[in-house]
Amino acid sequence: GRFASALSEHQTRWPGLPEEAEARAFVE
């Protein structure tokens, strides 16, 4: 359940792929 919560946060922040300038945050 903790992983599911973390994934939900990730998808809320990036519903699609980010702009290039935010690539490191997304990949990390």
PDB file of all heavy atoms in Angstrom:
ATOM      1  N   GLY A   1       0.822  -1.209   0.000  1.00  0.00           N
ATOM      2  CA  GLY A   1       0.000   0.000   0.000  1.00  0.00           C
ATOM      3  C   GLY A   1       0.850   1.250   0.000  1.00  0.00           C
ATOM      4  O   GLY A   1       0.472   2.272  -0.607  1.00  0.00           O
ATOM      5  N   ARG A   2       1.995   1.207   0.677  1.00  0.00           N
ATOM      6  CA  ARG A   2       2.885   2.372   0.680  1.00  0.00           C
ATOM      7  C   ARG A   2       3.407   2.655  -0.725  1.00  0.00           C
ATOM      8  O   ARG A   2       3.513   3.810  -1.152  1.00  0.00           O
ATOM      9  CB  ARG A   2       4.051   2.146   1.646  1.00  0.00           C
ATOM     10  CG  ARG A   2       3.686   2.198   3.129  1.00  0.00           C
ATOM     11  CD  ARG A   2       4.966   2.108   3.958  1.00  0.00           C
ATOM     12  NE  ARG A   2       4.721   2.267   5.373  1.00  0.00           N
ATOM     13  CZ  ARG A   2       4.503   1.267   6.209  1.00  0.00           C
ATOM     14  NH1 ARG A   2       4.459   0.017   5.755  1.00  0.00           N
ATOM     15  NH2 ARG A   2       4.311   1.489   7.497  1.00  0.00           N
ATOM     16  N   PHE A   3       3.752   1.589  -1.447  1.00  0.00           N
ATOM     17  CA  PHE A   3       4.204   1.795  -2.830  1.00  0.00           C
ATOM     18  C   PHE A   3       3.080   2.394  -3.662  1.00  0.00           C
ATOM     19  O   PHE A   3       3.320   3.308  -4.471  1.00  0.00           O
ATOM     20  CB  PHE A   3       4.666   0.480  -3.451  1.00  0.00           C
ATOM     21  CG  PHE A   3       5.230   0.645  -4.844  1.00  0.00           C
ATOM     22  CD1 PHE A   3       6.583   0.827  -5.040  1.00  0.00           C
ATOM     23  CD2 PHE A   3       4.390   0.643  -5.959  1.00  0.00           C
ATOM     24  CE1 PHE A   3       7.098   0.995  -6.314  1.00  0.00           C
ATOM     25  CE2 PHE A   3       4.898   0.810  -7.238  1.00  0.00           C
ATOM     26  CZ  PHE A   3       6.253   0.990  -7.411  1.00  0.00           C
ATOM     27  N   ALA A   4       1.862   1.909  -3.485  1.00  0.00           N
ATOM     28  CA  ALA A   4       0.727   2.438  -4.247  1.00  0.00           C
ATOM     29  C   ALA A   4       0.551   3.925  -3.991  1.00  0.00           C
ATOM     30  O   ALA A   4       0.265   4.708  -4.916  1.00  0.00           O
ATOM     31  CB  ALA A   4      -0.547   1.677  -3.893  1.00  0.00           C
ATOM     32  N   SER A   5       0.740   4.361  -2.756  1.00  0.00           N
ATOM     33  CA  SER A   5       0.629   5.783  -2.433  1.00  0.00           C
ATOM     34  C   SER A   5       1.719   6.588  -3.123  1.00  0.00           C
ATOM     35  O   SER A   5       1.474   7.674  -3.664  1.00  0.00           O
ATOM     36  CB  SER A   5       0.723   5.977  -0.918  1.00  0.00           C
ATOM     37  OG  SER A   5      -0.366   5.361  -0.261  1.00  0.00           O
ATOM     38  N   ALA A   6       2.953   6.051  -3.120  1.00  0.00           N
ATOM     39  CA  ALA A   6       4.059   6.751  -3.775  1.00  0.00           C
ATOM     40  C   ALA A   6       3.835   6.838  -5.276  1.00  0.00           C
ATOM     41  O   ALA A   6       4.102   7.871  -5.905  1.00  0.00           O
ATOM     42  CB  ALA A   6       5.370   6.025  -3.478  1.00  0.00           C
ATOM     43  N   LEU A   7       3.325   5.777  -5.875  1.00  0.00           N
ATOM     44  CA  LEU A   7       3.048   5.800  -7.313  1.00  0.00           C
ATOM     45  C   LEU A   7       1.967   6.818  -7.635  1.00  0.00           C
ATOM     46  O   LEU A   7       2.052   7.543  -8.641  1.00  0.00           O
ATOM     47  CB  LEU A   7       2.630   4.407  -7.773  1.00  0.00           C
ATOM     48  CG  LEU A   7       2.277   4.272  -9.256  1.00  0.00           C
ATOM     49  CD1 LEU A   7       3.469   4.626 -10.136  1.00  0.00           C
ATOM     50  CD2 LEU A   7       1.778   2.857  -9.563  1.00  0.00           C
ATOM     51  N   SER A   8       0.956   6.900  -6.787  1.00  0.00           N
ATOM     52  CA  SER A   8      -0.118   7.873  -7.010  1.00  0.00           C
ATOM     53  C   SER A   8       0.432   9.296  -6.993  1.00  0.00           C
ATOM     54  O   SER A   8       0.070  10.128  -7.828  1.00  0.00           O
ATOM     55  CB  SER A   8      -1.197   7.704  -5.943  1.00  0.00           C
ATOM     56  OG  SER A   8      -2.208   8.675  -6.103  1.00  0.00           O
ATOM     57  N   GLU A   9       1.317   9.592  -6.048  1.00  0.00           N
ATOM     58  CA  GLU A   9       1.940  10.921  -5.992  1.00  0.00           C
ATOM     59  C   GLU A   9       2.728  11.200  -7.266  1.00  0.00           C
ATOM     60  O   GLU A   9       2.691  12.322  -7.815  1.00  0.00           O
ATOM     61  CB  GLU A   9       2.859  11.013  -4.778  1.00  0.00           C
ATOM     62  CG  GLU A   9       2.141  11.058  -3.435  1.00  0.00           C
ATOM     63  CD  GLU A   9       3.109  11.201  -2.273  1.00  0.00           C
ATOM     64  OE1 GLU A   9       4.322  11.422  -2.531  1.00  0.00           O
ATOM     65  OE2 GLU A   9       2.671  11.084  -1.118  1.00  0.00           O
ATOM     66  N   HIS A  10       3.465  10.196  -7.719  1.00  0.00           N
ATOM     67  CA  HIS A  10       4.262  10.336  -8.934  1.00  0.00           C
ATOM     68  C   HIS A  10       3.370  10.646 -10.142  1.00  0.00           C
ATOM     69  O   HIS A  10       3.665  11.550 -10.935  1.00  0.00           O
ATOM     70  CB  HIS A  10       5.037   9.033  -9.165  1.00  0.00           C
ATOM     71  CG  HIS A  10       5.893   9.011 -10.395  1.00  0.00           C
ATOM     72  ND1 HIS A  10       7.097   9.654 -10.466  1.00  0.00           N
ATOM     73  CD2 HIS A  10       5.707   8.413 -11.614  1.00  0.00           C
ATOM     74  CE1 HIS A  10       7.632   9.458 -11.659  1.00  0.00           C
ATOM     75  NE2 HIS A  10       6.805   8.706 -12.383  1.00  0.00           N
ATOM     76  N   GLN A  11       2.279   9.933 -10.270  1.00  0.00           N
ATOM     77  CA  GLN A  11       1.389  10.126 -11.414  1.00  0.00           C
ATOM     78  C   GLN A  11       0.624  11.440 -11.332  1.00  0.00           C
ATOM     79  O   GLN A  11       0.262  12.017 -12.366  1.00  0.00           O
ATOM     80  CB  GLN A  11       0.436   8.936 -11.514  1.00  0.00           C
ATOM     81  CG  GLN A  11       1.143   7.636 -11.882  1.00  0.00           C
ATOM     82  CD  GLN A  11       0.248   6.423 -11.777  1.00  0.00           C
ATOM     83  OE1 GLN A  11      -0.665   6.374 -10.937  1.00  0.00           O
ATOM     84  NE2 GLN A  11       0.498   5.420 -12.614  1.00  0.00           N
ATOM     85  N   THR A  12       0.382  11.905 -10.120  1.00  0.00           N
ATOM     86  CA  THR A  12      -0.267  13.213  -9.972  1.00  0.00           C
ATOM     87  C   THR A  12       0.673  14.325 -10.426  1.00  0.00           C
ATOM     88  O   THR A  12       0.257  15.282 -11.101  1.00  0.00           O
ATOM     89  CB  THR A  12      -0.667  13.448  -8.502  1.00  0.00           C
ATOM     90  OG1 THR A  12      -1.625  12.443  -8.130  1.00  0.00           O
ATOM     91  CG2 THR A  12      -1.274  14.820  -8.310  1.00  0.00           C
ATOM     92  N   ARG A  13       1.940  14.193 -10.064  1.00  0.00           N
ATOM     93  CA  ARG A  13       2.909  15.217 -10.466  1.00  0.00           C
ATOM     94  C   ARG A  13       3.189  15.165 -11.961  1.00  0.00           C
ATOM     95  O   ARG A  13       3.328  16.212 -12.605  1.00  0.00           O
ATOM     96  CB  ARG A  13       4.216  15.027  -9.686  1.00  0.00           C
ATOM     97  CG  ARG A  13       5.282  16.062 -10.026  1.00  0.00           C
ATOM     98  CD  ARG A  13       6.515  15.949  -9.155  1.00  0.00           C
ATOM     99  NE  ARG A  13       7.529  16.928  -9.534  1.00  0.00           N
ATOM    100  CZ  ARG A  13       8.722  17.026  -8.970  1.00  0.00           C
ATOM    101  NH1 ARG A  13       9.051  16.214  -7.958  1.00  0.00           N
ATOM    102  NH2 ARG A  13       9.592  17.923  -9.376  1.00  0.00           N
ATOM    103  N   TRP A  14       3.281  13.957 -12.515  1.00  0.00           N
ATOM    104  CA  TRP A  14       3.585  13.804 -13.935  1.00  0.00           C
ATOM    105  C   TRP A  14       2.520  12.921 -14.585  1.00  0.00           C
ATOM    106  O   TRP A  14       2.736  11.717 -14.779  1.00  0.00           O
ATOM    107  CB  TRP A  14       4.958  13.181 -14.129  1.00  0.00           C
ATOM    108  CG  TRP A  14       6.095  14.078 -13.742  1.00  0.00           C
ATOM    109  CD1 TRP A  14       6.465  15.247 -14.345  1.00  0.00           C
ATOM    110  CD2 TRP A  14       7.013  13.882 -12.660  1.00  0.00           C
ATOM    111  NE1 TRP A  14       7.555  15.787 -13.719  1.00  0.00           N
ATOM    112  CE2 TRP A  14       7.920  14.975 -12.672  1.00  0.00           C
ATOM    113  CE3 TRP A  14       7.173  12.896 -11.682  1.00  0.00           C
ATOM    114  CZ2 TRP A  14       8.944  15.101 -11.735  1.00  0.00           C
ATOM    115  CZ3 TRP A  14       8.191  13.013 -10.759  1.00  0.00           C
ATOM    116  CH2 TRP A  14       9.064  14.099 -10.785  1.00  0.00           C
ATOM    117  N   PRO A  15       1.391  13.457 -14.941  1.00  0.00           N
ATOM    118  CA  PRO A  15       0.379  12.657 -15.640  1.00  0.00           C
ATOM    119  C   PRO A  15       0.853  12.217 -17.020  1.00  0.00           C
ATOM    120  O   PRO A  15       0.350  11.253 -17.585  1.00  0.00           O
ATOM    121  CB  PRO A  15      -0.822  13.604 -15.738  1.00  0.00           C
ATOM    122  CG  PRO A  15      -0.258  14.975 -15.545  1.00  0.00           C
ATOM    123  CD  PRO A  15       0.937  14.836 -14.676  1.00  0.00           C
ATOM    124  N   GLY A  16       1.805  12.929 -17.557  1.00  0.00           N
ATOM    125  CA  GLY A  16       2.469  12.557 -18.804  1.00  0.00           C
ATOM    126  C   GLY A  16       3.961  12.736 -18.631  1.00  0.00           C
ATOM    127  O   GLY A  16       4.464  12.844 -17.512  1.00  0.00           O
ATOM    128  N   LEU A  17       4.685  12.781 -19.740  1.00  0.00           N
ATOM    129  CA  LEU A  17       6.130  12.981 -19.642  1.00  0.00           C
ATOM    130  C   LEU A  17       6.442  14.448 -19.378  1.00  0.00           C
ATOM    131  O   LEU A  17       5.737  15.342 -19.849  1.00  0.00           O
ATOM    132  CB  LEU A  17       6.811  12.517 -20.930  1.00  0.00           C
ATOM    133  CG  LEU A  17       6.743  11.016 -21.215  1.00  0.00           C
ATOM    134  CD1 LEU A  17       7.400  10.696 -22.541  1.00  0.00           C
ATOM    135  CD2 LEU A  17       7.401  10.228 -20.095  1.00  0.00           C
ATOM    136  N   PRO A  18       7.530  14.737 -18.637  1.00  0.00           N
ATOM    137  CA  PRO A  18       7.865  16.119 -18.302  1.00  0.00           C
ATOM    138  C   PRO A  18       8.555  16.834 -19.455  1.00  0.00           C
ATOM    139  O   PRO A  18       8.968  16.215 -20.445  1.00  0.00           O
ATOM    140  CB  PRO A  18       8.835  15.952 -17.130  1.00  0.00           C
ATOM    141  CG  PRO A  18       9.549  14.673 -17.449  1.00  0.00           C
ATOM    142  CD  PRO A  18       8.503  13.771 -18.073  1.00  0.00           C
ATOM    143  N   GLU A  19       8.684  18.138 -19.311  1.00  0.00           N
ATOM    144  CA  GLU A  19       9.532  18.904 -20.213  1.00  0.00           C
ATOM    145  C   GLU A  19      10.995  18.534 -19.943  1.00  0.00           C
ATOM    146  O   GLU A  19      11.347  18.037 -18.860  1.00  0.00           O
ATOM    147  CB  GLU A  19       9.326  20.405 -20.002  1.00  0.00           C
ATOM    148  CG  GLU A  19       7.922  20.889 -20.319  1.00  0.00           C
ATOM    149  CD  GLU A  19       7.574  20.733 -21.788  1.00  0.00           C
ATOM    150  OE1 GLU A  19       8.494  20.894 -22.628  1.00  0.00           O
ATOM    151  OE2 GLU A  19       6.404  20.458 -22.099  1.00  0.00           O
ATOM    152  N   GLU A  20      11.855  18.799 -20.914  1.00  0.00           N
ATOM    153  CA  GLU A  20      13.260  18.396 -20.789  1.00  0.00           C
ATOM    154  C   GLU A  20      13.913  18.936 -19.524  1.00  0.00           C
ATOM    155  O   GLU A  20      14.689  18.235 -18.870  1.00  0.00           O
ATOM    156  CB  GLU A  20      14.048  18.862 -22.019  1.00  0.00           C
ATOM    157  CG  GLU A  20      15.523  18.503 -21.962  1.00  0.00           C
ATOM    158  CD  GLU A  20      16.294  18.990 -23.166  1.00  0.00           C
ATOM    159  OE1 GLU A  20      15.794  18.853 -24.300  1.00  0.00           O
ATOM    160  OE2 GLU A  20      17.411  19.508 -22.978  1.00  0.00           O
ATOM    161  N   ALA A  21      13.598  20.169 -19.149  1.00  0.00           N
ATOM    162  CA  ALA A  21      14.252  20.777 -17.994  1.00  0.00           C
ATOM    163  C   ALA A  21      13.974  20.025 -16.699  1.00  0.00           C
ATOM    164  O   ALA A  21      14.742  20.118 -15.730  1.00  0.00           O
ATOM    165  CB  ALA A  21      13.809  22.235 -17.847  1.00  0.00           C
ATOM    166  N   GLU A  22      12.889  19.253 -16.655  1.00  0.00           N
ATOM    167  CA  GLU A  22      12.524  18.514 -15.447  1.00  0.00           C
ATOM    168  C   GLU A  22      12.867  17.028 -15.577  1.00  0.00           C
ATOM    169  O   GLU A  22      12.440  16.213 -14.750  1.00  0.00           O
ATOM    170  CB  GLU A  22      11.022  18.668 -15.185  1.00  0.00           C
ATOM    171  CG  GLU A  22      10.669  18.699 -13.709  1.00  0.00           C
ATOM    172  CD  GLU A  22       9.179  18.872 -13.473  1.00  0.00           C
ATOM    173  OE1 GLU A  22       8.419  19.021 -14.445  1.00  0.00           O
ATOM    174  OE2 GLU A  22       8.793  18.854 -12.295  1.00  0.00           O
ATOM    175  N   ALA A  23      13.680  16.686 -16.551  1.00  0.00           N
ATOM    176  CA  ALA A  23      13.947  15.273 -16.833  1.00  0.00           C
ATOM    177  C   ALA A  23      14.644  14.577 -15.672  1.00  0.00           C
ATOM    178  O   ALA A  23      14.350  13.419 -15.366  1.00  0.00           O
ATOM    179  CB  ALA A  23      14.785  15.146 -18.103  1.00  0.00           C
ATOM    180  N   ARG A  24      15.578  15.243 -15.012  1.00  0.00           N
ATOM    181  CA  ARG A  24      16.298  14.584 -13.920  1.00  0.00           C
ATOM    182  C   ARG A  24      15.358  14.259 -12.762  1.00  0.00           C
ATOM    183  O   ARG A  24      15.460  13.176 -12.178  1.00  0.00           O
ATOM    184  CB  ARG A  24      17.465  15.449 -13.446  1.00  0.00           C
ATOM    185  CG  ARG A  24      18.673  15.390 -14.356  1.00  0.00           C
ATOM    186  CD  ARG A  24      19.934  15.789 -13.629  1.00  0.00           C
ATOM    187  NE  ARG A  24      21.109  15.618 -14.469  1.00  0.00           N
ATOM    188  CZ  ARG A  24      22.336  15.416 -14.005  1.00  0.00           C
ATOM    189  NH1 ARG A  24      22.540  15.349 -12.694  1.00  0.00           N
ATOM    190  NH2 ARG A  24      23.368  15.269 -14.817  1.00  0.00           N
ATOM    191  N   ALA A  25      14.501  15.172 -12.415  1.00  0.00           N
ATOM    192  CA  ALA A  25      13.565  14.907 -11.320  1.00  0.00           C
ATOM    193  C   ALA A  25      12.680  13.712 -11.660  1.00  0.00           C
ATOM    194  O   ALA A  25      12.448  12.825 -10.825  1.00  0.00           O
ATOM    195  CB  ALA A  25      12.718  16.144 -11.046  1.00  0.00           C
ATOM    196  N   PHE A  26      12.203  13.670 -12.886  1.00  0.00           N
ATOM    197  CA  PHE A  26      11.325  12.581 -13.315  1.00  0.00           C
ATOM    198  C   PHE A  26      12.066  11.243 -13.328  1.00  0.00           C
ATOM    199  O   PHE A  26      11.557  10.228 -12.835  1.00  0.00           O
ATOM    200  CB  PHE A  26      10.773  12.892 -14.706  1.00  0.00           C
ATOM    201  CG  PHE A  26       9.978  11.773 -15.318  1.00  0.00           C
ATOM    202  CD1 PHE A  26       8.649  11.579 -14.976  1.00  0.00           C
ATOM    203  CD2 PHE A  26      10.566  10.900 -16.235  1.00  0.00           C
ATOM    204  CE1 PHE A  26       7.912  10.541 -15.534  1.00  0.00           C
ATOM    205  CE2 PHE A  26       9.839   9.871 -16.803  1.00  0.00           C
ATOM    206  CZ  PHE A  26       8.506   9.684 -16.442  1.00  0.00           C
ATOM    207  N   VAL A  27      13.270  11.229 -13.893  1.00  0.00           N
ATOM    208  CA  VAL A  27      14.024   9.979 -14.001  1.00  0.00           C
ATOM    209  C   VAL A  27      14.443   9.471 -12.626  1.00  0.00           C
ATOM    210  O   VAL A  27      14.362   8.272 -12.344  1.00  0.00           O
ATOM    211  CB  VAL A  27      15.247  10.172 -14.923  1.00  0.00           C
ATOM    212  CG1 VAL A  27      16.186   8.980 -14.841  1.00  0.00           C
ATOM    213  CG2 VAL A  27      14.783  10.377 -16.360  1.00  0.00           C
ATOM    214  N   GLU A  28      14.857  10.364 -11.758  1.00  0.00           N
ATOM    215  CA  GLU A  28      15.231   9.936 -10.403  1.00  0.00           C
ATOM    216  C   GLU A  28      14.054   9.276  -9.691  1.00  0.00           C
ATOM    217  O   GLU A  28      14.177   8.189  -9.109  1.00  0.00           O
ATOM    218  CB  GLU A  28      15.726  11.121  -9.586  1.00  0.00           C
ATOM    219  CG  GLU A  28      16.059  10.768  -8.138  1.00  0.00           C
ATOM    220  CD  GLU A  28      16.403  11.978  -7.308  1.00  0.00           C
ATOM    221  OE1 GLU A  28      17.387  12.679  -7.658  1.00  0.00           O
ATOM    222  OE2 GLU A  28      15.692  12.246  -6.318  1.00  0.00           O
TER     223      GLU A  28
END
